[in-house]
Amino acid sequence: MLVFWSRETRWVFGVGLLLLVVLVGIVAVQAVSDPSDAAAFGAVIAAALLGGRIPAIVAGLEGGFSSLQTSLLIMTINTAWLCLTFPVFVALHRKAADSAWLKRLQERAQRQVRSVSALGCWGLAFFVWLPFPLTGALIGAVIGIFMNLSVRRVVTVVVASMWLGVIMWTFGFDVFMSFSGPVGKAVCYAVAIGCIVYSLLGAGRRGPEAPEGSS
C-alpha cells in the first residue's frame, strides 16, 4: 500500500509510529516502576479508543493524573491514532479500494460535509473541537478531504483543534468535578459511560469493525 502514499501521508504515518512507540514505552516503564500507574494509563487509552475524549478525560482525572498530564496523554493517544489511520484512508480513497472500513468512514463523513463546509476551515476546526463520539479527529480529517483540502492543511487544522479541545475540555471537566462534588462526578461518569455505550452500540450496528471513539 505504501506505493500509493504521497510524501505527506508517509511522514504523517511516521509520526504516528513514533507516538505509538512513545505510548508503549510509557506504559512499559510504568508497569515496571508503578503497576498502578500503568493500569491508569491503560484505562485512559482504552477509554479513548472505545468512547472518545470524554471517557478518556474522566478516566485520567479519576486515575490520579493532573489536568495537564491527562491532556498530554490524550493528545498523544489521539494524535497517534489519527496519524496511523488517516494515511491508510487517503491511500484507499485514492485507490478507490473496496473496503468496508473505508465505506463506513466515507458515509459518516459525508453526512457532515455540508454543514461543516459551510464555514470552511473554521467549521472543520469547531467540529473536531467538540468532544462527542461522532466528532473525532479521524472523521474530521476525512471531512477535510471531502472539502478538497490538502493533506497538510487537513492535518494542521485537525490536530490544532483537537489539541485545543482536549486541553479546554479536560480543564473544564476538572473544575466541574472539583466544585460539584459527588453529584458532579456521578454526572461525568454517566456521560462517559453513555459515550462508550453509544460507540459500542454504533459499532455493533455497523458490523464487526473495531469501534472508533471521538479521538
C-alpha atoms as a PDB file:
ATOM      1  CA  MET A   1       0.000   0.000   0.000  1.00  0.00           C
ATOM      2  CA  LEU A   2       2.952   2.325   0.584  1.00  0.00           C
ATOM      3  CA  VAL A   3       3.330   2.844  -3.165  1.00  0.00           C
ATOM      4  CA  PHE A   4       0.024   4.718  -3.148  1.00  0.00           C
ATOM      5  CA  TRP A   5       1.077   7.058  -0.337  1.00  0.00           C
ATOM      6  CA  SER A   6       2.322  10.550  -1.046  1.00  0.00           C
ATOM      7  CA  ARG A   7       5.274  12.056   0.763  1.00  0.00           C
ATOM      8  CA  GLU A   8       2.823  13.942   3.000  1.00  0.00           C
ATOM      9  CA  THR A   9       0.979  10.832   4.153  1.00  0.00           C
ATOM     10  CA  ARG A  10       4.234   8.923   4.686  1.00  0.00           C
ATOM     11  CA  TRP A  11       5.533  11.473   7.170  1.00  0.00           C
ATOM     12  CA  VAL A  12       2.161  11.579   8.907  1.00  0.00           C
ATOM     13  CA  PHE A  13       2.274   7.793   9.312  1.00  0.00           C
ATOM     14  CA  GLY A  14       5.855   8.057  10.560  1.00  0.00           C
ATOM     15  CA  VAL A  15       4.774  10.490  13.279  1.00  0.00           C
ATOM     16  CA  GLY A  16       2.039   8.053  14.252  1.00  0.00           C
ATOM     17  CA  LEU A  17       4.526   5.200  14.603  1.00  0.00           C
ATOM     18  CA  LEU A  18       6.812   7.389  16.713  1.00  0.00           C
ATOM     19  CA  LEU A  19       3.971   8.364  19.046  1.00  0.00           C
ATOM     20  CA  LEU A  20       2.897   4.720  19.302  1.00  0.00           C
ATOM     21  CA  VAL A  21       6.417   3.784  20.402  1.00  0.00           C
ATOM     22  CA  VAL A  22       6.295   6.600  22.978  1.00  0.00           C
ATOM     23  CA  LEU A  23       2.978   5.339  24.367  1.00  0.00           C
ATOM     24  CA  VAL A  24       4.180   1.736  24.554  1.00  0.00           C
ATOM     25  CA  GLY A  25       7.373   2.907  26.227  1.00  0.00           C
ATOM     26  CA  ILE A  26       5.476   4.937  28.838  1.00  0.00           C
ATOM     27  CA  VAL A  27       3.229   2.017  29.704  1.00  0.00           C
ATOM     28  CA  ALA A  28       6.188  -0.389  29.839  1.00  0.00           C
ATOM     29  CA  VAL A  29       8.208   1.881  32.145  1.00  0.00           C
ATOM     30  CA  GLN A  30       5.203   2.458  34.409  1.00  0.00           C
ATOM     31  CA  ALA A  31       4.454  -1.260  34.511  1.00  0.00           C
ATOM     32  CA  VAL A  32       7.915  -1.845  35.968  1.00  0.00           C
ATOM     33  CA  SER A  33       8.107   1.174  38.279  1.00  0.00           C
ATOM     34  CA  ASP A  34       4.474   1.515  39.370  1.00  0.00           C
ATOM     35  CA  PRO A  35       1.893  -1.043  38.147  1.00  0.00           C
ATOM     36  CA  SER A  36      -0.987   1.090  39.443  1.00  0.00           C
ATOM     37  CA  ASP A  37       0.069   3.981  37.190  1.00  0.00           C
ATOM     38  CA  ALA A  38       0.370   1.553  34.275  1.00  0.00           C
ATOM     39  CA  ALA A  39      -3.201   0.415  34.908  1.00  0.00           C
ATOM     40  CA  ALA A  40      -4.332   4.047  34.956  1.00  0.00           C
ATOM     41  CA  PHE A  41      -2.562   4.690  31.647  1.00  0.00           C
ATOM     42  CA  GLY A  42      -4.220   1.618  30.178  1.00  0.00           C
ATOM     43  CA  ALA A  43      -7.619   2.788  31.372  1.00  0.00           C
ATOM     44  CA  VAL A  44      -7.184   6.150  29.647  1.00  0.00           C
ATOM     45  CA  ILE A  45      -6.050   4.508  26.407  1.00  0.00           C
ATOM     46  CA  ALA A  46      -8.946   2.034  26.458  1.00  0.00           C
ATOM     47  CA  ALA A  47     -11.458   4.781  27.255  1.00  0.00           C
ATOM     48  CA  ALA A  48     -10.132   6.987  24.437  1.00  0.00           C
ATOM     49  CA  LEU A  49     -10.359   4.200  21.852  1.00  0.00           C
ATOM     50  CA  LEU A  50     -13.754   2.937  22.993  1.00  0.00           C
ATOM     51  CA  GLY A  51     -15.640   6.139  23.743  1.00  0.00           C
ATOM     52  CA  GLY A  52     -13.547   9.127  22.757  1.00  0.00           C
ATOM     53  CA  ARG A  53     -12.338  12.157  24.654  1.00  0.00           C
ATOM     54  CA  ILE A  54     -14.942  12.442  27.415  1.00  0.00           C
ATOM     55  CA  PRO A  55     -14.423   8.909  28.813  1.00  0.00           C
ATOM     56  CA  ALA A  56     -10.650   9.357  28.485  1.00  0.00           C
ATOM     57  CA  ILE A  57     -10.762  12.656  30.387  1.00  0.00           C
ATOM     58  CA  VAL A  58     -12.816  11.155  33.201  1.00  0.00           C
ATOM     59  CA  ALA A  59     -10.555   8.081  33.352  1.00  0.00           C
ATOM     60  CA  GLY A  60      -7.449  10.243  33.515  1.00  0.00           C
ATOM     61  CA  LEU A  61      -8.698  12.603  36.209  1.00  0.00           C
ATOM     62  CA  GLU A  62     -10.117   9.769  38.304  1.00  0.00           C
ATOM     63  CA  GLY A  63      -6.922   7.783  37.770  1.00  0.00           C
ATOM     64  CA  GLY A  64      -4.967  10.389  39.716  1.00  0.00           C
ATOM     65  CA  PHE A  65      -3.494  12.354  36.828  1.00  0.00           C
ATOM     66  CA  SER A  66      -3.492  16.149  36.819  1.00  0.00           C
ATOM     67  CA  SER A  67      -5.343  18.096  34.130  1.00  0.00           C
ATOM     68  CA  LEU A  68      -2.067  18.730  32.315  1.00  0.00           C
ATOM     69  CA  GLN A  69      -0.963  15.085  32.470  1.00  0.00           C
ATOM     70  CA  THR A  70      -4.392  13.910  31.311  1.00  0.00           C
ATOM     71  CA  SER A  71      -4.397  16.410  28.441  1.00  0.00           C
ATOM     72  CA  LEU A  72      -0.914  15.427  27.260  1.00  0.00           C
ATOM     73  CA  LEU A  73      -1.729  11.725  27.406  1.00  0.00           C
ATOM     74  CA  ILE A  74      -4.995  12.089  25.478  1.00  0.00           C
ATOM     75  CA  MET A  75      -3.376  14.385  22.922  1.00  0.00           C
ATOM     76  CA  THR A  76      -0.669  11.765  22.338  1.00  0.00           C
ATOM     77  CA  ILE A  77      -3.193   8.935  22.028  1.00  0.00           C
ATOM     78  CA  ASN A  78      -5.486  10.841  19.660  1.00  0.00           C
ATOM     79  CA  THR A  79      -2.643  12.153  17.516  1.00  0.00           C
ATOM     80  CA  ALA A  80      -1.102   8.687  17.220  1.00  0.00           C
ATOM     81  CA  TRP A  81      -4.475   7.201  16.229  1.00  0.00           C
ATOM     82  CA  LEU A  82      -5.071   9.941  13.645  1.00  0.00           C
ATOM     83  CA  CYS A  83      -1.582   9.695  12.142  1.00  0.00           C
ATOM     84  CA  LEU A  84      -1.740   5.906  11.860  1.00  0.00           C
ATOM     85  CA  THR A  85      -5.233   5.663  10.350  1.00  0.00           C
ATOM     86  CA  PHE A  86      -5.611   8.806   8.223  1.00  0.00           C
ATOM     87  CA  PRO A  87      -2.837   7.887   5.728  1.00  0.00           C
ATOM     88  CA  VAL A  88      -4.476   4.476   5.277  1.00  0.00           C
ATOM     89  CA  PHE A  89      -7.784   6.172   4.481  1.00  0.00           C
ATOM     90  CA  VAL A  90      -6.128   8.535   1.979  1.00  0.00           C
ATOM     91  CA  ALA A  91      -4.365   5.648   0.244  1.00  0.00           C
ATOM     92  CA  LEU A  92      -7.540   3.545  -0.007  1.00  0.00           C
ATOM     93  CA  HIS A  93      -9.609   6.556  -1.036  1.00  0.00           C
ATOM     94  CA  ARG A  94      -7.238   7.478  -3.882  1.00  0.00           C
ATOM     95  CA  LYS A  95      -7.080   3.859  -4.971  1.00  0.00           C
ATOM     96  CA  ALA A  96     -10.904   3.623  -4.845  1.00  0.00           C
ATOM     97  CA  ALA A  97     -10.481   0.408  -2.881  1.00  0.00           C
ATOM     98  CA  ASP A  98     -13.440  -1.765  -1.967  1.00  0.00           C
ATOM     99  CA  SER A  99     -13.163  -1.688   1.817  1.00  0.00           C
ATOM    100  CA  ALA A 100     -15.937  -1.845   4.411  1.00  0.00           C
ATOM    101  CA  TRP A 101     -13.863   0.335   6.752  1.00  0.00           C
ATOM    102  CA  LEU A 102     -13.354   2.916   4.004  1.00  0.00           C
ATOM    103  CA  LYS A 103     -17.043   2.988   3.088  1.00  0.00           C
ATOM    104  CA  ARG A 104     -18.061   3.378   6.718  1.00  0.00           C
ATOM    105  CA  LEU A 105     -15.765   6.357   7.203  1.00  0.00           C
ATOM    106  CA  GLN A 106     -16.927   7.937   3.961  1.00  0.00           C
ATOM    107  CA  GLU A 107     -20.585   7.539   4.847  1.00  0.00           C
ATOM    108  CA  ARG A 108     -20.122   9.030   8.307  1.00  0.00           C
ATOM    109  CA  ALA A 109     -18.108  11.947   6.936  1.00  0.00           C
ATOM    110  CA  GLN A 110     -20.434  12.670   4.023  1.00  0.00           C
ATOM    111  CA  ARG A 111     -23.354  13.126   6.420  1.00  0.00           C
ATOM    112  CA  GLN A 112     -21.474  16.037   7.985  1.00  0.00           C
ATOM    113  CA  VAL A 113     -19.746  17.610   4.978  1.00  0.00           C
ATOM    114  CA  ARG A 114     -22.479  20.073   4.024  1.00  0.00           C
ATOM    115  CA  SER A 115     -22.902  21.609   7.486  1.00  0.00           C
ATOM    116  CA  VAL A 116     -19.166  21.669   8.229  1.00  0.00           C
ATOM    117  CA  SER A 117     -18.032  23.004   4.847  1.00  0.00           C
ATOM    118  CA  ALA A 118     -20.453  25.944   5.079  1.00  0.00           C
ATOM    119  CA  LEU A 119     -17.972  27.557   7.489  1.00  0.00           C
ATOM    120  CA  GLY A 120     -14.836  26.299   5.755  1.00  0.00           C
ATOM    121  CA  CYS A 121     -11.798  25.501   7.901  1.00  0.00           C
ATOM    122  CA  TRP A 122     -13.425  27.184  10.895  1.00  0.00           C
ATOM    123  CA  GLY A 123     -16.334  24.784  10.644  1.00  0.00           C
ATOM    124  CA  LEU A 124     -13.956  21.829  10.452  1.00  0.00           C
ATOM    125  CA  ALA A 125     -11.993  23.109  13.452  1.00  0.00           C
ATOM    126  CA  PHE A 126     -15.163  23.541  15.525  1.00  0.00           C
ATOM    127  CA  PHE A 127     -16.401  20.062  14.540  1.00  0.00           C
ATOM    128  CA  VAL A 128     -13.186  18.422  15.754  1.00  0.00           C
ATOM    129  CA  TRP A 129     -13.064  20.619  18.884  1.00  0.00           C
ATOM    130  CA  LEU A 130     -16.351  19.098  20.085  1.00  0.00           C
ATOM    131  CA  PRO A 131     -15.738  16.075  22.378  1.00  0.00           C
ATOM    132  CA  PHE A 132     -18.619  13.866  21.246  1.00  0.00           C
ATOM    133  CA  PRO A 133     -18.332  10.308  19.816  1.00  0.00           C
ATOM    134  CA  LEU A 134     -19.157  11.350  16.238  1.00  0.00           C
ATOM    135  CA  THR A 135     -16.843  14.379  16.064  1.00  0.00           C
ATOM    136  CA  GLY A 136     -13.465  12.691  16.246  1.00  0.00           C
ATOM    137  CA  ALA A 137     -10.218  13.766  14.629  1.00  0.00           C
ATOM    138  CA  LEU A 138     -10.290  10.950  12.061  1.00  0.00           C
ATOM    139  CA  ILE A 139     -13.822  11.767  10.900  1.00  0.00           C
ATOM    140  CA  GLY A 140     -12.847  15.428  10.819  1.00  0.00           C
ATOM    141  CA  ALA A 141      -9.829  14.616   8.665  1.00  0.00           C
ATOM    142  CA  VAL A 142     -11.989  12.624   6.241  1.00  0.00           C
ATOM    143  CA  ILE A 143     -14.411  15.559   6.033  1.00  0.00           C
ATOM    144  CA  GLY A 144     -11.426  17.780   5.231  1.00  0.00           C
ATOM    145  CA  ILE A 145     -10.524  15.535   2.296  1.00  0.00           C
ATOM    146  CA  PHE A 146     -14.107  15.764   1.002  1.00  0.00           C
ATOM    147  CA  MET A 147     -13.795  19.550   1.332  1.00  0.00           C
ATOM    148  CA  ASN A 148     -10.855  19.291  -1.114  1.00  0.00           C
ATOM    149  CA  LEU A 149      -8.309  20.486   1.431  1.00  0.00           C
ATOM    150  CA  SER A 150      -4.719  19.309   1.103  1.00  0.00           C
ATOM    151  CA  VAL A 151      -3.443  16.594   3.425  1.00  0.00           C
ATOM    152  CA  ARG A 152      -1.077  19.064   5.089  1.00  0.00           C
ATOM    153  CA  ARG A 153      -3.865  21.559   5.770  1.00  0.00           C
ATOM    154  CA  VAL A 154      -6.237  18.876   6.994  1.00  0.00           C
ATOM    155  CA  VAL A 155      -3.686  17.532   9.478  1.00  0.00           C
ATOM    156  CA  THR A 156      -2.774  21.038  10.661  1.00  0.00           C
ATOM    157  CA  VAL A 157      -6.383  22.107  11.273  1.00  0.00           C
ATOM    158  CA  VAL A 158      -7.497  18.815  12.798  1.00  0.00           C
ATOM    159  CA  VAL A 159      -4.531  18.376  15.126  1.00  0.00           C
ATOM    160  CA  ALA A 160      -4.580  22.004  16.311  1.00  0.00           C
ATOM    161  CA  SER A 161      -8.318  21.993  17.043  1.00  0.00           C
ATOM    162  CA  MET A 162      -8.157  18.538  18.646  1.00  0.00           C
ATOM    163  CA  TRP A 163      -5.319  19.595  20.950  1.00  0.00           C
ATOM    164  CA  LEU A 164      -7.134  22.796  21.898  1.00  0.00           C
ATOM    165  CA  GLY A 165     -10.317  20.858  22.550  1.00  0.00           C
ATOM    166  CA  VAL A 166      -8.561  18.267  24.708  1.00  0.00           C
ATOM    167  CA  ILE A 167      -6.942  20.950  26.862  1.00  0.00           C
ATOM    168  CA  MET A 168     -10.102  23.040  27.261  1.00  0.00           C
ATOM    169  CA  TRP A 169     -12.437  20.122  27.961  1.00  0.00           C
ATOM    170  CA  THR A 170     -10.008  18.424  30.353  1.00  0.00           C
ATOM    171  CA  PHE A 171      -9.511  21.530  32.470  1.00  0.00           C
ATOM    172  CA  GLY A 172     -13.249  22.235  32.258  1.00  0.00           C
ATOM    173  CA  PHE A 173     -14.152  18.761  33.493  1.00  0.00           C
ATOM    174  CA  ASP A 174     -11.548  19.025  36.250  1.00  0.00           C
ATOM    175  CA  VAL A 175     -13.019  22.301  37.513  1.00  0.00           C
ATOM    176  CA  PHE A 176     -16.564  20.969  37.281  1.00  0.00           C
ATOM    177  CA  MET A 177     -15.742  17.755  39.131  1.00  0.00           C
ATOM    178  CA  SER A 178     -13.798  19.615  41.822  1.00  0.00           C
ATOM    179  CA  PHE A 179     -16.535  22.121  42.594  1.00  0.00           C
ATOM    180  CA  SER A 180     -19.646  19.989  42.090  1.00  0.00           C
ATOM    181  CA  GLY A 181     -18.664  17.186  44.448  1.00  0.00           C
ATOM    182  CA  PRO A 182     -20.078  13.641  44.274  1.00  0.00           C
ATOM    183  CA  VAL A 183     -23.067  14.711  42.184  1.00  0.00           C
ATOM    184  CA  GLY A 184     -20.820  16.269  39.548  1.00  0.00           C
ATOM    185  CA  LYS A 185     -18.621  13.184  39.464  1.00  0.00           C
ATOM    186  CA  ALA A 186     -21.685  10.994  39.043  1.00  0.00           C
ATOM    187  CA  VAL A 187     -22.829  13.143  36.121  1.00  0.00           C
ATOM    188  CA  CYS A 188     -19.395  12.916  34.479  1.00  0.00           C
ATOM    189  CA  TYR A 189     -19.316   9.148  34.967  1.00  0.00           C
ATOM    190  CA  ALA A 190     -22.784   8.831  33.435  1.00  0.00           C
ATOM    191  CA  VAL A 191     -21.803  10.908  30.404  1.00  0.00           C
ATOM    192  CA  ALA A 192     -18.572   8.932  29.958  1.00  0.00           C
ATOM    193  CA  ILE A 193     -20.357   5.587  30.186  1.00  0.00           C
ATOM    194  CA  GLY A 194     -23.013   6.864  27.787  1.00  0.00           C
ATOM    195  CA  CYS A 195     -20.321   7.759  25.231  1.00  0.00           C
ATOM    196  CA  ILE A 196     -18.763   4.298  25.484  1.00  0.00           C
ATOM    197  CA  VAL A 197     -22.119   2.522  25.207  1.00  0.00           C
ATOM    198  CA  TYR A 198     -23.127   4.692  22.261  1.00  0.00           C
ATOM    199  CA  SER A 199     -19.870   3.955  20.448  1.00  0.00           C
ATOM    200  CA  LEU A 200     -20.098   0.217  21.103  1.00  0.00           C
ATOM    201  CA  LEU A 201     -23.742   0.029  20.024  1.00  0.00           C
ATOM    202  CA  GLY A 202     -22.924   2.006  16.899  1.00  0.00           C
ATOM    203  CA  ALA A 203     -20.067  -0.363  16.100  1.00  0.00           C
ATOM    204  CA  GLY A 204     -22.416  -3.303  16.584  1.00  0.00           C
ATOM    205  CA  ARG A 205     -24.912  -1.875  14.122  1.00  0.00           C
ATOM    206  CA  ARG A 206     -22.188  -1.189  11.554  1.00  0.00           C
ATOM    207  CA  GLY A 207     -20.533  -4.570  11.759  1.00  0.00           C
ATOM    208  CA  PRO A 208     -17.503  -6.227  13.286  1.00  0.00           C
ATOM    209  CA  GLU A 209     -15.027  -3.351  12.841  1.00  0.00           C
ATOM    210  CA  ALA A 210     -13.411  -2.015  15.969  1.00  0.00           C
ATOM    211  CA  PRO A 211     -15.327   0.912  17.440  1.00  0.00           C
ATOM    212  CA  GLU A 212     -13.934   4.370  16.915  1.00  0.00           C
ATOM    213  CA  GLY A 213     -14.292   6.978  19.583  1.00  0.00           C
ATOM    214  CA  SER A 214     -14.006  10.745  19.126  1.00  0.00           C
ATOM    215  CA  SER A 215     -10.237  10.787  19.295  1.00  0.00           C
END
